[in-house]
């Protein structure tokens, strides 16, 4: 199976020794993305809604650079700093993934003690090509 790293300017550069994404065969695995502006590398202003939207835009860029899309996502993992933000995150998430039950990815959402750079949300995706 062929493996290749994915790099795009449409998402923040990796802040450690990892790839923004990896394509293996017909699958794309993204690194966790957060609400960081890809140009400045800073957390976007606002709260959970703004960070979730930026996070999903960053994921969209990585997936597209790897030949995939959010519509081809098969598994999503959401890490929340505070589970009280679930409803707000979920509303933004639904606007990106829609309500078509035949195309929705599987998803796990967990609350974590802390995220890098004190982000409110981090999301990773596995998608088909």
Protein backbone atom coordinates (compact mmCIF):
# COMPACT_ATOMS: atom_id res chain seq x y z
CA UNK A 1 0.00 0.00 0.00
CA UNK A 2 1.25 3.46 -0.87
CA UNK A 3 1.60 5.98 1.93
CA UNK A 4 2.04 9.74 1.49
CA UNK A 5 1.99 12.70 3.81
CA UNK A 6 -0.49 15.49 3.16
CA UNK A 7 0.51 19.14 3.44
CA UNK A 8 -1.60 22.22 2.77
CA UNK A 9 -1.42 25.95 3.47
CA UNK A 10 -5.19 25.84 4.02
CA UNK A 11 -4.67 24.48 7.52
CA UNK A 12 -2.21 25.48 10.26
CA UNK A 13 1.26 24.01 9.96
CA UNK A 14 2.01 21.10 12.27
CA UNK A 15 3.32 22.31 15.65
CA UNK A 16 5.28 19.12 16.26
CA UNK A 17 6.80 16.11 14.51
CA UNK A 18 3.66 14.94 12.68
CA UNK A 19 1.91 15.34 9.32
CA UNK A 20 -1.28 17.34 8.81
CA UNK A 21 -2.63 14.18 7.27
CA UNK A 22 -1.58 10.85 5.81
CA UNK A 23 -3.04 9.07 2.82
CA UNK A 24 -2.74 5.29 2.84
CA UNK A 25 -4.38 3.48 -0.06
CA UNK A 26 -7.92 4.83 -0.35
CA UNK A 27 -8.02 6.31 3.17
CA UNK A 28 -7.03 9.71 4.55
CA UNK A 29 -6.21 10.10 8.24
CA UNK A 30 -6.02 13.67 9.50
CA UNK A 31 -4.08 14.93 12.46
CA UNK A 32 -6.26 16.59 15.04
CA UNK A 33 -7.16 20.11 13.99
CA UNK A 34 -8.27 22.97 16.20
CA UNK A 35 -9.57 26.48 15.81
CA UNK A 36 -6.29 27.99 14.65
CA UNK A 37 -6.12 30.47 11.79
CA UNK A 38 -3.93 28.87 9.09
CA UNK A 39 -2.26 32.20 8.24
CA UNK A 40 -1.47 33.54 11.70
CA UNK A 41 -1.38 30.29 13.66
CA UNK A 42 -3.42 32.01 16.38
CA UNK A 43 -6.69 30.83 17.95
CA UNK A 44 -9.63 32.43 16.16
CA UNK A 45 -11.55 34.98 18.21
CA UNK A 46 -14.85 33.95 19.74
CA UNK A 47 -15.94 30.80 21.49
CA UNK A 48 -16.80 27.20 20.74
CA UNK A 49 -18.87 27.99 17.62
CA UNK A 50 -16.08 29.96 15.97
CA UNK A 51 -13.42 27.42 16.94
CA UNK A 52 -15.54 24.52 15.67
CA UNK A 53 -16.14 26.24 12.32
CA UNK A 54 -12.43 27.01 11.89
CA UNK A 55 -11.52 23.47 12.93
CA UNK A 56 -13.83 22.01 10.28
CA UNK A 57 -12.49 24.41 7.63
CA UNK A 58 -8.96 23.26 8.52
CA UNK A 59 -10.02 19.62 8.24
CA UNK A 60 -11.74 20.32 4.93
CA UNK A 61 -8.47 21.76 3.58
CA UNK A 62 -6.41 18.75 4.71
CA UNK A 63 -8.92 16.26 3.31
CA UNK A 64 -9.13 18.07 -0.03
CA UNK A 65 -5.32 18.18 -0.25
CA UNK A 66 -5.41 14.41 0.21
CA UNK A 67 -8.02 13.87 -2.51
CA UNK A 68 -11.01 13.51 -0.17
CA UNK A 69 -13.68 15.68 1.47
CA UNK A 70 -15.82 16.03 4.56
CA UNK A 71 -18.58 14.29 2.61
CA UNK A 72 -16.38 11.20 2.40
CA UNK A 73 -15.64 11.09 6.15
CA UNK A 74 -16.27 7.69 7.70
CA UNK A 75 -15.10 8.30 11.30
CA UNK A 76 -14.81 11.53 13.27
CA UNK A 77 -13.42 11.98 16.76
CA UNK A 78 -14.23 15.19 18.63
CA UNK A 79 -12.31 16.26 21.73
CA UNK A 80 -14.03 18.94 23.82
CA UNK A 81 -12.47 20.87 26.67
CA UNK A 82 -15.94 21.19 28.23
CA UNK A 83 -18.87 18.85 27.49
CA UNK A 84 -21.18 21.79 28.23
CA UNK A 85 -20.11 23.03 24.76
CA UNK A 86 -21.53 19.89 23.11
CA UNK A 87 -24.78 21.43 21.81
CA UNK A 88 -23.05 24.48 20.30
CA UNK A 89 -20.31 22.34 18.72
CA UNK A 90 -22.92 19.91 17.43
CA UNK A 91 -24.93 22.69 15.77
CA UNK A 92 -21.88 23.88 13.81
CA UNK A 93 -20.84 20.29 13.07
CA UNK A 94 -24.31 19.55 11.63
CA UNK A 95 -24.00 22.53 9.28
CA UNK A 96 -20.90 20.90 7.74
CA UNK A 97 -22.06 17.29 7.68
CA UNK A 98 -25.77 17.82 7.04
CA UNK A 99 -28.56 15.59 8.19
CA UNK A 100 -28.47 12.88 5.50
CA UNK A 101 -28.35 9.80 7.71
CA UNK A 102 -26.99 7.66 4.86
CA UNK A 103 -23.89 9.86 4.52
CA UNK A 104 -23.14 10.74 8.14
CA UNK A 105 -19.84 9.47 9.52
CA UNK A 106 -19.55 7.54 12.75
CA UNK A 107 -18.51 9.87 15.57
CA UNK A 108 -17.10 9.76 19.07
CA UNK A 109 -17.09 12.84 21.30
CA UNK A 110 -15.14 12.98 24.55
CA UNK A 111 -14.32 15.61 27.13
CA UNK A 112 -10.62 16.03 27.80
CA UNK A 113 -8.72 17.76 30.58
CA UNK A 114 -6.77 20.03 28.25
CA UNK A 115 -6.05 20.58 24.57
CA UNK A 116 -2.92 22.03 22.94
CA UNK A 117 -2.78 25.84 23.14
CA UNK A 118 -5.85 25.71 25.42
CA UNK A 119 -8.20 25.14 22.48
CA UNK A 120 -11.86 24.46 23.19
CA UNK A 121 -12.17 21.74 20.54
CA UNK A 122 -9.98 19.44 18.47
CA UNK A 123 -11.30 17.12 15.76
CA UNK A 124 -9.73 14.35 13.68
CA UNK A 125 -11.18 12.54 10.68
CA UNK A 126 -10.73 9.31 8.76
CA UNK A 127 -12.14 9.57 5.24
CA UNK A 128 -12.19 7.57 2.05
CA UNK A 129 -10.81 8.87 -1.21
